[in-house]
Amino acid sequence: MPRRLARSPLARLIALAGLAWPGVVAVVVKGEPPAGAPPTDAAKRPPILLEDVTAATGIGFVHDDGGSGRRFIPETVTAGVATFDHDLDGRIDIYFPNGADLPGTAPPRRPRAMLARNRGGWRFDDVTAAAGLDHEAYGVGVTVGDLDNDGFPDLCTSNDGPKRMWRNMGDGTFVDVTAAAGTADGDKLGAGLALLDADGDGDLDLYAANYVRFSPEGHVSPRIRGVPLYHGPRDYEAWPDSFYRNDGDGRFSDDSVASGIAAVAGPGMGVVCFDEEGDGDTDIFVLNDVAANFLFRNDGTGRFAEVGLEAGLAYDSIGQPNGSMGVDCGDVDNDGWLDLWMTSYQGERPVLYHNLAGQGFEDVSSRTGAAAGSLPWVKWGCGIVDFDNDGGRDLFIACGHINDLVEQFDDTTAYRNHNVLLRNVGGRFVEMSAAAGLHAVPRHSARGAAFDDLDNDGDLDGVILNAREAPTLLRNLDRERGGEHHWLQVRLVGRDSNRDGVGANVRVVIPGAVRVDEVHAGRGYQGHFGSRLHFGLGPAAAVERVEVRWIGGEREAFDVAGIDRLVVLIEGAGRRVDRPGKMETVPEGDRR
């Protein structure tokens, strides 16, 4: 029997659309009109322009890694950032993890995480205390998903210490349910988190990467030329990662060993879950810091085999492990298959892994231009993001060094850097950070990055968490400056499958082309964004249909009236499509 939809949150979406509840097929929510000056001549504007609007937002968050001068390794990995609509008011909110006081911190600073509620017009309210999220955990990673299928997005955080699970009560508040859920996972230094329906049973399981076995006892900071440094991951033993299977009653079972996840160990960092072969189940790609990356291939029942080397994802094109940091997933060449974009350490290229139609991956960073502009920097948050809605997904890198004293012994890099933007020009990339306005933004030492439509105007904006400083909010000015390309946003509502549609494959069919994406819960550098899928349509003035393959294999086609809007597609309300087997490659003639 299909689960009953939670009436309250879905009713809110329907109310936004002005539709009645009975017989609803798909909810259509038009984009809010952009604010600001009238559009300028489109021919005179740069193709992508981002503006730093942080000061006007009212966000008072300042990141604090809890450092006491002893240079403990947790200071280097905090933190990711998450964007999601926590109260279902139609506006994307922001959750900023934060550090906590480490041994030797005096006087105590007691940093706190922040939930910033979006009230529209690029203004945000601090609702952390009111939401029940005013805690002292040492935050590292975060992801978001509806763990109990009640219609409201829940929050999972990894920490230097027990992992925590926060249930969204539907009234703007969260309750810590870690003890009841059984996911604390001991006193480990955590890393990236991801939610997936590993076994297709309709609820979300938790994958938690772990970093290294660290203890402050006996810690001594290394030095170079008398300058203190942080230890690297090779100075410690790695933890195996953790996998928790959702029992469907609020509890989770530790299935790390039985699932095959604990068979290997690595210093985990960013994680993304996606269907790498197109066979209808969800696999797990895990970055390891200065060690081989993992690809856990799902057999369809939630049992995994590690095949990173076989798939071409363990190392880069010259067979080297990278200081792997953040990872995103998306179809960068519009061939219908999901590619991977990975950031790395100083002196290493970021890596763009091209999906070879489900037959493995190839490092194409050099020949596509994806490696341009970032080699000297340490690279963290990342995104595969179509900033100008032309149908080609661009690449973003958030940069900043680990060591705040690095310039005292190395003049080839810097602690604070500008971030990097690479524009997609038909599957190749051109570095255009300065032209896009990023060199006008003050330099910071960035960590996590998230990308969502924060002002509901039809283009994707950015949030960057900066180490030891305030964050950066980047407003995309494509609409304000006369952007003429069209777009479509898609939000899925599962009934038999998980409520958020996590893992579902979505194909937007437009005249002469197809755009493909997938719903992820956890991505980038240990963060979360993009639950609302965003498709740039270029000049296409209509969508012929939207096809969804839900976890479990059911396929539906939905008719979509109009473009430049958000559509909410409800499982079971479309036309069933009988098309067994793997997802097809987009024909050559349909590619951008």
Protein backbone atom coordinates (compact mmCIF):
# COMPACT_ATOMS: atom_id res chain seq x y z
CA MET A 1 0.00 0.00 0.00
CA PRO A 2 1.34 3.47 -0.82
CA ARG A 3 2.13 5.59 2.20
CA ARG A 4 -0.24 8.45 2.82
CA LEU A 5 1.31 11.83 2.08
CA ALA A 6 1.73 14.12 5.05
CA ARG A 7 -1.06 16.56 4.35
CA SER A 8 0.37 19.64 6.00
CA PRO A 9 3.60 20.27 4.02
CA LEU A 10 2.18 19.22 0.66
CA ALA A 11 -0.89 21.32 1.32
CA ARG A 12 1.45 24.29 1.74
CA LEU A 13 2.90 23.69 -1.70
CA ILE A 14 -0.57 23.38 -3.15
CA ALA A 15 -1.62 26.56 -1.40
CA LEU A 16 1.33 28.35 -2.95
CA ALA A 17 0.07 27.27 -6.34
CA GLY A 18 -3.54 28.17 -5.57
CA LEU A 19 -4.77 24.64 -6.29
CA ALA A 20 -7.27 22.49 -4.46
CA TRP A 21 -6.12 19.25 -2.78
CA PRO A 22 -8.31 16.60 -4.51
CA GLY A 23 -7.02 15.19 -7.79
CA VAL A 24 -3.76 17.15 -7.86
CA VAL A 25 -1.29 15.85 -10.44
CA ALA A 26 1.56 18.33 -10.37
CA VAL A 27 1.93 21.58 -8.51
CA VAL A 28 3.26 24.52 -10.50
CA VAL A 29 4.83 27.42 -8.60
CA LYS A 30 5.84 30.45 -10.64
CA GLY A 31 9.15 32.16 -9.95
CA GLU A 32 9.08 35.36 -7.92
CA PRO A 33 9.75 38.45 -10.02
CA PRO A 34 13.34 39.66 -9.65
CA ALA A 35 13.98 42.77 -7.62
CA GLY A 36 16.32 45.60 -8.54
CA ALA A 37 16.96 47.83 -11.52
CA PRO A 38 15.43 47.17 -14.95
CA PRO A 39 17.40 44.73 -17.12
CA THR A 40 20.28 46.20 -19.07
CA ASP A 41 21.17 45.40 -22.67
CA ALA A 42 21.89 41.68 -22.60
CA ALA A 43 24.54 42.01 -25.30
CA LYS A 44 26.64 44.25 -23.04
CA ARG A 45 26.59 42.16 -19.91
CA PRO A 46 29.11 39.46 -18.99
CA PRO A 47 27.77 35.92 -19.47
CA ILE A 48 27.90 35.25 -15.70
CA LEU A 49 28.04 37.86 -12.92
CA LEU A 50 27.97 37.18 -9.17
CA GLU A 51 27.65 39.90 -6.54
CA ASP A 52 28.70 39.75 -2.89
CA VAL A 53 25.56 40.67 -0.93
CA THR A 54 26.65 39.34 2.47
CA ALA A 55 26.56 42.67 4.31
CA ALA A 56 22.93 43.32 3.39
CA THR A 57 21.60 39.90 4.45
CA GLY A 58 21.74 40.43 8.22
CA ILE A 59 23.53 37.11 8.74
CA GLY A 60 25.76 37.51 11.79
CA PHE A 61 27.37 34.08 11.69
CA VAL A 62 31.15 33.89 12.11
CA HIS A 63 32.92 30.57 11.77
CA ASP A 64 35.24 29.53 14.59
CA ASP A 65 37.34 26.36 14.42
CA GLY A 66 37.93 26.39 18.18
CA GLY A 67 41.67 26.69 17.72
CA SER A 68 43.83 27.35 20.76
CA GLY A 69 47.13 27.61 18.90
CA ARG A 70 47.94 23.92 19.33
CA ARG A 71 46.89 23.16 15.71
CA PHE A 72 44.71 20.10 16.09
CA ILE A 73 43.66 18.43 12.83
CA PRO A 74 39.87 18.96 13.36
CA GLU A 75 40.50 22.69 12.82
CA THR A 76 41.42 21.98 9.20
CA VAL A 77 38.22 20.18 8.21
CA THR A 78 35.40 22.29 9.66
CA ALA A 79 32.99 22.83 7.95
CA GLY A 80 30.45 22.24 5.21
CA VAL A 81 27.21 24.21 4.73
CA ALA A 82 23.62 23.26 3.85
CA THR A 83 20.83 25.05 1.97
CA PHE A 84 17.25 23.76 2.32
CA ASP A 85 13.71 24.95 2.97
CA HIS A 86 13.36 23.95 6.61
CA ASP A 87 9.87 25.38 7.17
CA LEU A 88 8.40 24.79 3.68
CA ASP A 89 7.60 28.45 3.11
CA GLY A 90 9.01 28.30 -0.42
CA ARG A 91 12.30 30.04 0.42
CA ILE A 92 15.68 28.35 0.82
CA ASP A 93 17.25 28.66 4.28
CA ILE A 94 20.89 28.12 5.32
CA TYR A 95 22.43 25.97 8.05
CA PHE A 96 26.00 26.85 9.05
CA PRO A 97 27.83 24.23 11.19
CA ASN A 98 30.47 25.62 13.51
CA GLY A 99 33.40 24.45 15.58
CA ALA A 100 33.66 24.30 19.37
CA ASP A 101 36.34 25.13 21.91
CA LEU A 102 39.25 22.70 21.71
CA PRO A 103 41.63 21.90 24.60
CA GLY A 104 43.65 24.96 25.57
CA THR A 105 41.16 27.54 24.30
CA ALA A 106 41.18 30.40 26.80
CA PRO A 107 39.08 32.26 27.46
CA PRO A 108 36.27 30.04 26.12
CA ARG A 109 34.67 31.37 22.93
CA ARG A 110 31.76 28.88 22.72
CA PRO A 111 30.97 29.14 19.00
CA ARG A 112 27.53 28.04 17.83
CA ALA A 113 26.01 26.74 14.63
CA MET A 114 23.38 28.92 12.93
CA LEU A 115 20.10 28.32 11.12
CA ALA A 116 19.42 31.41 9.00
CA ARG A 117 15.77 31.66 7.92
CA ASN A 118 15.22 33.28 4.53
CA ARG A 119 12.50 35.90 4.78
CA GLY A 120 12.86 37.11 1.19
CA GLY A 121 14.50 40.16 -0.31
CA TRP A 122 17.96 38.84 0.62
CA ARG A 123 17.28 39.20 4.35
CA PHE A 124 17.79 36.35 6.82
CA ASP A 125 16.81 35.91 10.45
CA ASP A 126 18.80 33.94 13.03
CA VAL A 127 16.29 31.33 14.25
CA THR A 128 18.85 28.94 15.74
CA ALA A 129 17.66 29.10 19.33
CA ALA A 130 13.97 29.13 18.43
CA ALA A 131 14.54 26.09 16.19
CA GLY A 132 16.24 24.12 18.98
CA LEU A 133 19.59 24.00 17.17
CA ASP A 134 21.62 26.08 19.64
CA HIS A 135 24.16 23.39 20.53
CA GLU A 136 27.90 23.11 21.21
CA ALA A 137 28.85 20.17 19.00
CA TYR A 138 32.04 20.53 16.95
CA GLY A 139 30.45 20.56 13.50
CA VAL A 140 32.13 19.16 10.40
CA GLY A 141 29.57 17.85 7.89
CA VAL A 142 25.84 18.19 7.30
CA THR A 143 23.15 16.72 5.09
CA VAL A 144 19.38 17.02 4.82
CA GLY A 145 16.53 14.63 4.02
CA ASP A 146 13.11 13.45 5.17
CA LEU A 147 14.11 10.50 7.35
CA ASP A 148 10.62 9.64 8.56
CA ASN A 149 8.64 10.52 5.41
CA ASP A 150 6.45 13.01 7.25
CA GLY A 151 7.01 15.74 4.66
CA PHE A 152 9.53 17.84 6.58
CA PRO A 153 13.30 17.86 5.96
CA ASP A 154 15.39 16.51 8.83
CA LEU A 155 19.02 17.35 9.59
CA CYS A 156 22.04 15.09 10.09
CA THR A 157 25.39 16.43 11.29
CA SER A 158 28.83 14.89 11.65
CA ASN A 159 31.18 16.22 14.28
CA ASP A 160 34.43 15.80 16.12
CA GLY A 161 32.47 13.52 18.39
CA PRO A 162 29.14 11.73 18.06
CA LYS A 163 27.08 12.24 14.92
CA ARG A 164 23.70 13.84 15.57
CA MET A 165 20.29 13.48 14.01
CA TRP A 166 17.68 16.24 14.26
CA ARG A 167 14.01 15.58 13.56
CA ASN A 168 12.05 18.43 11.99
CA MET A 169 8.82 18.76 13.97
CA GLY A 170 7.01 20.69 11.23
CA ASP A 171 6.56 23.83 13.29
CA GLY A 172 9.96 25.39 12.67
CA THR A 173 11.68 23.43 15.43
CA PHE A 174 14.04 20.45 15.54
CA VAL A 175 14.47 17.79 18.23
CA ASP A 176 17.70 15.84 18.79
CA VAL A 177 16.69 12.19 18.25
CA THR A 178 20.21 10.76 18.10
CA ALA A 179 19.81 8.50 21.13
CA ALA A 180 16.56 6.97 19.87
CA ALA A 181 17.90 6.65 16.32
CA GLY A 182 21.10 4.94 17.48
CA THR A 183 23.41 6.81 15.07
CA ALA A 184 25.83 8.55 17.47
CA ASP A 185 28.65 6.31 16.14
CA GLY A 186 31.05 6.87 19.01
CA ASP A 187 33.57 9.62 19.55
CA LYS A 188 34.93 9.83 15.99
CA LEU A 189 36.16 12.69 13.85
CA GLY A 190 33.46 12.73 11.19
CA ALA A 191 33.40 13.97 7.61
CA GLY A 192 30.90 14.01 4.74
CA LEU A 193 27.38 12.62 5.13
CA ALA A 194 24.88 11.38 2.56
CA LEU A 195 21.39 9.94 2.59
CA LEU A 196 20.25 7.30 0.11
CA ASP A 197 17.64 4.61 -0.23
CA ALA A 198 20.17 1.82 -0.54
CA ASP A 199 17.70 -1.08 -0.60
CA GLY A 200 14.71 0.53 -2.31
CA ASP A 201 12.40 0.07 0.68
CA GLY A 202 11.10 3.64 0.62
CA ASP A 203 13.12 5.26 3.40
CA LEU A 204 16.50 6.92 3.60
CA ASP A 205 19.60 5.25 4.99
CA LEU A 206 22.67 7.13 6.27
CA TYR A 207 26.22 6.92 4.94
CA ALA A 208 28.76 8.66 7.18
CA ALA A 209 32.39 9.08 6.13
CA ASN A 210 34.93 9.17 8.94
CA TYR A 211 38.27 10.95 8.79
CA VAL A 212 41.12 9.82 11.07
CA ARG A 213 41.66 8.45 14.58
CA PHE A 214 42.61 11.66 16.36
CA SER A 215 43.13 12.36 20.04
CA PRO A 216 44.48 15.62 21.52
CA GLU A 217 46.51 13.70 24.10
CA GLY A 218 50.20 13.79 23.25
CA HIS A 219 49.67 16.04 20.23
CA VAL A 220 52.73 17.94 19.00
CA SER A 221 52.51 20.31 16.05
CA PRO A 222 55.14 19.73 13.32
CA ARG A 223 57.18 22.64 11.98
CA ILE A 224 58.85 23.79 8.79
CA ARG A 225 61.52 26.50 8.97
CA GLY A 226 60.32 27.09 12.52
CA VAL A 227 56.71 27.73 11.40
CA PRO A 228 54.08 25.48 13.05
CA LEU A 229 51.95 23.27 10.80
CA TYR A 230 48.99 20.93 11.03
CA HIS A 231 49.47 17.20 10.83
CA GLY A 232 48.15 15.57 7.65
CA PRO A 233 45.92 12.49 7.41
CA ARG A 234 48.86 10.16 6.77
CA ASP A 235 50.05 10.86 10.31
CA TYR A 236 47.01 9.03 11.68
CA GLU A 237 45.18 5.74 11.23
CA ALA A 238 42.02 5.96 9.14
CA TRP A 239 38.57 4.95 10.36
CA PRO A 240 36.30 2.71 8.27
CA ASP A 241 33.17 4.62 7.25
CA SER A 242 29.75 3.92 8.77
CA PHE A 243 26.46 2.85 7.23
CA TYR A 244 23.14 2.97 9.07
CA ARG A 245 20.07 1.26 7.65
CA ASN A 246 16.73 2.94 8.33
CA ASP A 247 14.41 0.54 10.18
CA GLY A 248 11.37 2.68 9.36
CA ASP A 249 10.32 3.26 12.96
CA GLY A 250 12.70 6.06 13.93
CA ARG A 251 15.56 3.68 14.61
CA PHE A 252 18.61 2.85 12.51
CA SER A 253 20.70 -0.33 12.50
CA ASP A 254 24.47 -0.23 12.15
CA ASP A 255 24.95 -2.22 8.95
CA SER A 256 28.52 -1.12 8.27
CA VAL A 257 29.98 -4.62 8.30
CA ALA A 258 27.15 -6.59 6.70
CA SER A 259 26.73 -4.03 3.89
CA GLY A 260 30.42 -4.25 2.94
CA ILE A 261 31.17 -0.64 3.79
CA ALA A 262 33.51 -1.42 6.70
CA ALA A 263 35.63 -3.80 4.60
CA VAL A 264 37.97 -0.93 3.70
CA ALA A 265 39.18 2.18 5.51
CA GLY A 266 40.30 5.60 4.32
CA PRO A 267 40.48 9.18 5.57
CA GLY A 268 37.05 10.17 4.25
CA MET A 269 36.10 13.67 3.13
CA GLY A 270 33.32 14.57 0.66
CA VAL A 271 30.63 12.07 -0.36
CA VAL A 272 28.01 11.93 -3.10
CA CYS A 273 25.54 9.12 -3.84
CA PHE A 274 24.39 8.55 -7.43
CA ASP A 275 23.53 5.87 -9.96
CA GLU A 276 26.90 5.40 -11.66
CA GLU A 277 25.82 2.60 -14.02
CA GLY A 278 22.26 3.66 -14.77
CA ASP A 279 20.89 0.40 -13.39
CA GLY A 280 18.31 1.99 -11.09
CA ASP A 281 20.00 1.71 -7.69
CA THR A 282 22.23 4.16 -5.82
CA ASP A 283 26.00 3.82 -5.50
CA ILE A 284 28.33 5.78 -3.19
CA PHE A 285 31.43 7.77 -4.19
CA VAL A 286 33.70 8.69 -1.27
CA LEU A 287 36.74 10.95 -1.41
CA ASN A 288 39.74 9.99 0.70
CA ASP A 289 42.39 12.53 1.68
CA VAL A 290 45.76 11.58 0.14
CA ALA A 291 44.57 8.02 -0.42
CA ALA A 292 42.63 6.10 -3.05
CA ASN A 293 38.99 7.16 -3.41
CA PHE A 294 36.21 4.60 -2.94
CA LEU A 295 33.29 3.73 -5.19
CA PHE A 296 30.85 1.45 -3.41
CA ARG A 297 28.75 -0.28 -6.08
CA ASN A 298 25.27 -1.31 -4.94
CA ASP A 299 23.97 -4.75 -5.88
CA GLY A 300 20.40 -3.43 -5.60
CA THR A 301 19.78 -4.80 -2.11
CA GLY A 302 21.96 -2.37 -0.18
CA ARG A 303 25.05 -4.57 -0.24
CA PHE A 304 28.17 -2.92 -1.64
CA ALA A 305 31.48 -3.83 -3.26
CA GLU A 306 34.33 -1.31 -3.40
CA VAL A 307 35.30 -0.89 -7.09
CA GLY A 308 37.01 2.54 -7.20
CA LEU A 309 40.13 1.31 -8.99
CA GLU A 310 38.15 -0.75 -11.50
CA ALA A 311 35.89 2.23 -12.27
CA GLY A 312 38.76 4.68 -12.77
CA LEU A 313 37.90 6.79 -9.73
CA ALA A 314 40.56 5.77 -7.21
CA TYR A 315 43.28 8.01 -8.65
CA ASP A 316 43.77 10.80 -11.16
CA SER A 317 44.97 10.36 -14.75
CA ILE A 318 48.61 9.92 -13.72
CA GLY A 319 47.80 7.32 -11.09
CA GLN A 320 48.21 9.56 -8.07
CA PRO A 321 45.98 9.87 -5.00
CA ASN A 322 44.89 13.44 -4.38
CA GLY A 323 44.26 15.50 -1.29
CA SER A 324 40.60 14.95 -2.20
CA MET A 325 38.21 17.44 -0.59
CA GLY A 326 34.76 18.06 -2.11
CA VAL A 327 32.76 16.35 -4.84
CA ASP A 328 29.69 17.13 -6.90
CA CYS A 329 27.77 15.14 -9.48
CA GLY A 330 26.08 16.27 -12.70
CA ASP A 331 25.94 15.84 -16.45
CA VAL A 332 28.50 18.37 -17.72
CA ASP A 333 28.41 17.36 -21.40
CA ASN A 334 24.70 16.58 -21.77
CA ASP A 335 25.23 12.97 -22.85
CA GLY A 336 22.71 11.66 -20.32
CA TRP A 337 25.26 10.32 -17.82
CA LEU A 338 26.29 11.80 -14.48
CA ASP A 339 29.90 13.00 -14.24
CA LEU A 340 31.91 13.80 -11.10
CA TRP A 341 33.80 16.99 -10.15
CA MET A 342 36.37 16.71 -7.37
CA THR A 343 38.49 19.35 -5.61
CA SER A 344 42.01 18.76 -4.31
CA TYR A 345 45.04 20.17 -2.50
CA GLN A 346 47.61 22.84 -3.36
CA GLY A 347 49.66 21.90 -6.44
CA GLU A 348 47.08 19.34 -7.58
CA ARG A 349 44.53 19.70 -10.34
CA PRO A 350 40.86 19.44 -9.56
CA VAL A 351 39.58 16.34 -11.31
CA LEU A 352 36.65 16.10 -13.71
CA TYR A 353 35.71 12.45 -14.11
CA HIS A 354 33.74 11.81 -17.32
CA ASN A 355 31.20 8.99 -17.09
CA LEU A 356 31.85 6.53 -19.94
CA ALA A 357 28.18 5.57 -20.35
CA GLY A 358 28.16 3.40 -17.25
CA GLN A 359 31.42 1.64 -18.17
CA GLY A 360 33.72 3.52 -15.81
CA PHE A 361 35.18 7.02 -15.65
CA GLU A 362 37.98 8.98 -17.29
CA ASP A 363 39.90 11.97 -15.91
CA VAL A 364 39.31 14.69 -18.54
CA SER A 365 40.45 17.68 -16.45
CA SER A 366 43.30 18.75 -18.71
CA ARG A 367 41.73 18.33 -22.11
CA THR A 368 38.47 20.07 -21.10
CA GLY A 369 40.13 23.05 -19.39
CA ALA A 370 38.59 22.14 -16.04
CA ALA A 371 41.98 22.35 -14.33
CA ALA A 372 42.53 26.04 -15.16
CA GLY A 373 42.90 28.75 -12.55
CA SER A 374 43.21 26.81 -9.30
CA LEU A 375 46.48 24.84 -9.27
CA PRO A 376 48.28 26.91 -6.55
CA TRP A 377 45.35 26.87 -4.14
CA VAL A 378 43.82 24.38 -1.72
CA LYS A 379 40.38 23.62 -3.12
CA TRP A 380 37.34 22.72 -0.97
CA GLY A 381 33.67 23.31 -1.76
CA CYS A 382 32.55 22.75 -5.33
CA GLY A 383 29.49 22.74 -7.53
CA ILE A 384 28.36 21.69 -10.99
CA VAL A 385 26.04 24.65 -11.55
CA ASP A 386 24.41 26.22 -14.63
CA PHE A 387 24.77 29.85 -13.60
CA ASP A 388 23.48 31.38 -16.85
CA ASN A 389 20.73 28.86 -17.71
CA ASP A 390 22.28 28.14 -21.11
CA GLY A 391 21.98 24.39 -20.60
CA GLY A 392 25.68 23.84 -19.94
CA ARG A 393 26.61 23.24 -16.32
CA ASP A 394 29.50 25.39 -15.11
CA LEU A 395 32.09 24.53 -12.43
CA PHE A 396 32.73 26.38 -9.16
CA ILE A 397 35.61 25.95 -6.70
CA ALA A 398 35.87 27.45 -3.20
CA CYS A 399 39.53 28.04 -2.27
CA GLY A 400 41.51 28.59 0.91
CA HIS A 401 44.58 27.12 2.56
CA ILE A 402 44.68 24.99 5.69
CA ASN A 403 47.60 26.81 7.29
CA ASP A 404 47.13 30.50 8.13
CA LEU A 405 50.93 30.89 8.25
CA VAL A 406 51.67 29.24 4.91
CA GLU A 407 52.98 32.43 3.29
CA GLN A 408 55.84 32.54 5.82
CA PHE A 409 57.45 29.51 4.19
CA ASP A 410 55.78 29.15 0.75
CA ASP A 411 55.39 32.07 -1.66
CA THR A 412 53.60 29.96 -4.31
CA THR A 413 50.25 29.96 -2.51
CA ALA A 414 48.17 31.92 0.00
CA TYR A 415 45.87 31.34 2.98
CA ARG A 416 43.09 33.53 1.60
CA ASN A 417 42.17 33.23 -2.07
CA HIS A 418 39.58 34.24 -4.61
CA ASN A 419 37.19 31.49 -5.60
CA VAL A 420 37.21 30.07 -9.13
CA LEU A 421 34.47 29.85 -11.76
CA LEU A 422 34.81 27.89 -15.00
CA ARG A 423 32.18 28.52 -17.67
CA ASN A 424 30.94 25.59 -19.74
CA VAL A 425 31.33 26.25 -23.46
CA GLY A 426 30.01 23.06 -25.02
CA GLY A 427 31.66 20.55 -22.70
CA ARG A 428 34.89 22.52 -22.42
CA PHE A 429 35.60 25.13 -19.76
CA VAL A 430 36.94 28.67 -19.70
CA GLU A 431 38.18 30.18 -16.44
CA MET A 432 36.33 33.49 -15.95
CA SER A 433 36.52 34.17 -12.22
CA ALA A 434 37.48 37.84 -12.56
CA ALA A 435 34.93 38.57 -15.28
CA ALA A 436 32.22 36.92 -13.15
CA GLY A 437 32.93 39.31 -10.27
CA LEU A 438 34.74 36.90 -7.96
CA HIS A 439 37.89 39.04 -7.81
CA ALA A 440 35.76 41.90 -6.50
CA VAL A 441 34.86 39.73 -3.49
CA PRO A 442 37.30 39.97 -0.54
CA ARG A 443 39.66 37.02 -0.28
CA HIS A 444 38.82 34.42 2.34
CA SER A 445 39.88 30.91 3.29
CA ALA A 446 36.79 29.08 2.07
CA ARG A 447 35.54 25.64 3.06
CA GLY A 448 31.97 24.52 2.26
CA ALA A 449 29.90 25.87 -0.63
CA ALA A 450 26.22 25.45 -1.54
CA PHE A 451 24.17 26.57 -4.54
CA ASP A 452 20.42 27.20 -4.65
CA ASP A 453 17.98 29.84 -5.89
CA LEU A 454 17.95 31.97 -2.74
CA ASP A 455 15.71 34.71 -4.15
CA ASN A 456 13.41 32.56 -6.30
CA ASP A 457 14.17 34.52 -9.46
CA GLY A 458 15.24 31.60 -11.63
CA ASP A 459 19.02 31.60 -11.33
CA LEU A 460 21.31 29.83 -8.87
CA ASP A 461 23.06 31.76 -6.10
CA GLY A 462 25.91 30.70 -3.81
CA VAL A 463 26.77 30.43 -0.11
CA ILE A 464 30.38 30.00 0.98
CA LEU A 465 31.43 29.12 4.54
CA ASN A 466 34.77 30.82 5.26
CA ALA A 467 37.13 29.55 7.95
CA ARG A 468 37.41 31.89 10.95
CA GLU A 469 35.34 34.60 9.24
CA ALA A 470 31.83 35.53 8.16
CA PRO A 471 30.36 33.62 5.20
CA THR A 472 30.00 34.95 1.67
CA LEU A 473 26.63 35.10 -0.07
CA LEU A 474 26.79 35.46 -3.84
CA ARG A 475 23.79 36.80 -5.71
CA ASN A 476 23.56 35.66 -9.32
CA LEU A 477 22.64 38.71 -11.42
CA ASP A 478 21.65 36.80 -14.55
CA ARG A 479 17.96 37.72 -14.29
CA GLU A 480 18.62 41.28 -13.16
CA ARG A 481 20.94 41.90 -16.09
CA GLY A 482 18.53 40.71 -18.74
CA GLY A 483 19.24 36.99 -18.94
CA GLU A 484 17.05 35.57 -21.68
CA HIS A 485 17.65 31.85 -21.21
CA HIS A 486 14.79 29.80 -19.79
CA TRP A 487 14.77 27.45 -16.83
CA LEU A 488 12.75 24.84 -14.98
CA GLN A 489 12.98 23.77 -11.34
CA VAL A 490 11.70 20.34 -10.27
CA ARG A 491 10.76 19.20 -6.80
CA LEU A 492 9.79 15.54 -6.35
CA VAL A 493 7.31 14.11 -3.86
CA GLY A 494 7.61 10.36 -3.36
CA ARG A 495 4.78 8.12 -2.23
CA ASP A 496 6.00 4.52 -2.57
CA SER A 497 9.60 5.74 -2.76
CA ASN A 498 11.19 8.05 -0.21
CA ARG A 499 9.34 11.34 0.30
CA ASP A 500 12.09 13.57 -1.16
CA GLY A 501 12.65 11.44 -4.24
CA VAL A 502 16.34 11.05 -3.31
CA GLY A 503 18.06 8.93 -5.94
CA ALA A 504 15.41 9.52 -8.59
CA ASN A 505 16.66 10.21 -12.13
CA VAL A 506 14.96 13.16 -13.86
CA ARG A 507 15.03 13.83 -17.62
CA VAL A 508 13.69 17.12 -18.96
CA VAL A 509 12.89 16.74 -22.65
CA ILE A 510 12.96 19.97 -24.68
CA PRO A 511 12.86 20.39 -28.47
CA GLY A 512 16.03 18.78 -29.81
CA ALA A 513 17.67 18.06 -26.45
CA VAL A 514 17.44 16.31 -23.08
CA ARG A 515 18.67 17.55 -19.70
CA VAL A 516 19.40 14.95 -17.01
CA ASP A 517 19.88 15.20 -13.26
CA GLU A 518 19.36 13.23 -10.08
CA VAL A 519 18.21 14.11 -6.57
CA HIS A 520 21.08 14.02 -4.06
CA ALA A 521 21.12 14.36 -0.28
CA GLY A 522 24.70 15.30 0.57
CA ARG A 523 27.29 16.69 -1.85
CA GLY A 524 30.12 19.21 -2.25
CA TYR A 525 32.52 19.63 0.64
CA GLN A 526 30.69 17.81 3.43
CA GLY A 527 27.48 19.75 2.80
CA HIS A 528 24.10 19.74 1.10
CA PHE A 529 22.26 21.71 -1.56
CA GLY A 530 20.03 21.35 -4.60
CA SER A 531 17.06 19.31 -3.33
CA ARG A 532 15.10 21.41 -5.82
CA LEU A 533 16.60 20.40 -9.18
CA HIS A 534 17.43 23.32 -11.49
CA PHE A 535 17.57 22.89 -15.27
CA GLY A 536 18.85 25.61 -17.59
CA LEU A 537 16.92 25.33 -20.85
CA GLY A 538 18.80 27.84 -23.01
CA PRO A 539 16.53 29.33 -25.69
CA ALA A 540 14.00 26.47 -25.51
CA ALA A 541 10.55 28.00 -25.11
CA ALA A 542 8.77 24.82 -24.03
CA VAL A 543 9.26 21.51 -22.20
CA GLU A 544 7.83 18.51 -24.03
CA ARG A 545 7.74 16.33 -20.90
CA VAL A 546 9.59 15.46 -17.73
CA GLU A 547 10.46 11.79 -17.17
CA VAL A 548 11.18 10.46 -13.68
CA ARG A 549 12.64 7.09 -12.79
CA TRP A 550 11.98 6.63 -9.10
CA ILE A 551 14.08 4.44 -6.83
CA GLY A 552 12.50 1.01 -7.24
CA GLY A 553 12.36 1.31 -11.03
CA GLU A 554 8.97 2.88 -11.69
CA ARG A 555 9.04 5.39 -14.56
CA GLU A 556 6.59 8.18 -15.16
CA ALA A 557 6.20 10.98 -17.68
CA PHE A 558 4.70 14.31 -16.65
CA ASP A 559 3.32 17.00 -18.91
CA VAL A 560 4.54 20.43 -17.82
CA ALA A 561 2.63 23.54 -18.80
CA GLY A 562 4.99 26.48 -19.15
CA ILE A 563 8.58 27.17 -18.21
CA ASP A 564 10.49 29.56 -15.93
CA ARG A 565 8.85 28.10 -12.86
CA LEU A 566 9.03 25.44 -10.18
CA VAL A 567 7.01 22.27 -10.71
CA VAL A 568 6.29 19.74 -7.97
CA LEU A 569 5.84 16.22 -9.36
CA ILE A 570 4.03 13.65 -7.23
CA GLU A 571 4.82 9.97 -7.63
CA GLY A 572 1.89 8.11 -9.17
CA ALA A 573 0.36 11.21 -10.77
CA GLY A 574 2.13 10.93 -14.13
CA ARG A 575 1.80 8.55 -17.07
CA ARG A 576 3.53 5.25 -16.47
CA VAL A 577 6.39 4.60 -18.88
CA ASP A 578 7.32 0.98 -19.56
CA ARG A 579 10.98 1.20 -20.41
CA PRO A 580 12.96 -1.50 -18.57
CA GLY A 581 16.71 -1.62 -18.17
CA LYS A 582 19.35 1.04 -17.84
CA MET A 583 18.88 4.71 -18.62
CA GLU A 584 19.77 5.43 -22.21
CA THR A 585 22.56 7.65 -23.45
CA VAL A 586 21.29 10.85 -25.02
CA PRO A 587 21.78 10.58 -28.83
CA GLU A 588 24.64 12.65 -30.26
CA GLY A 589 22.26 14.97 -32.07
CA ASP A 590 20.50 15.86 -28.82
CA ARG A 591 23.60 17.04 -27.01
CA ARG A 592 24.43 20.65 -26.44
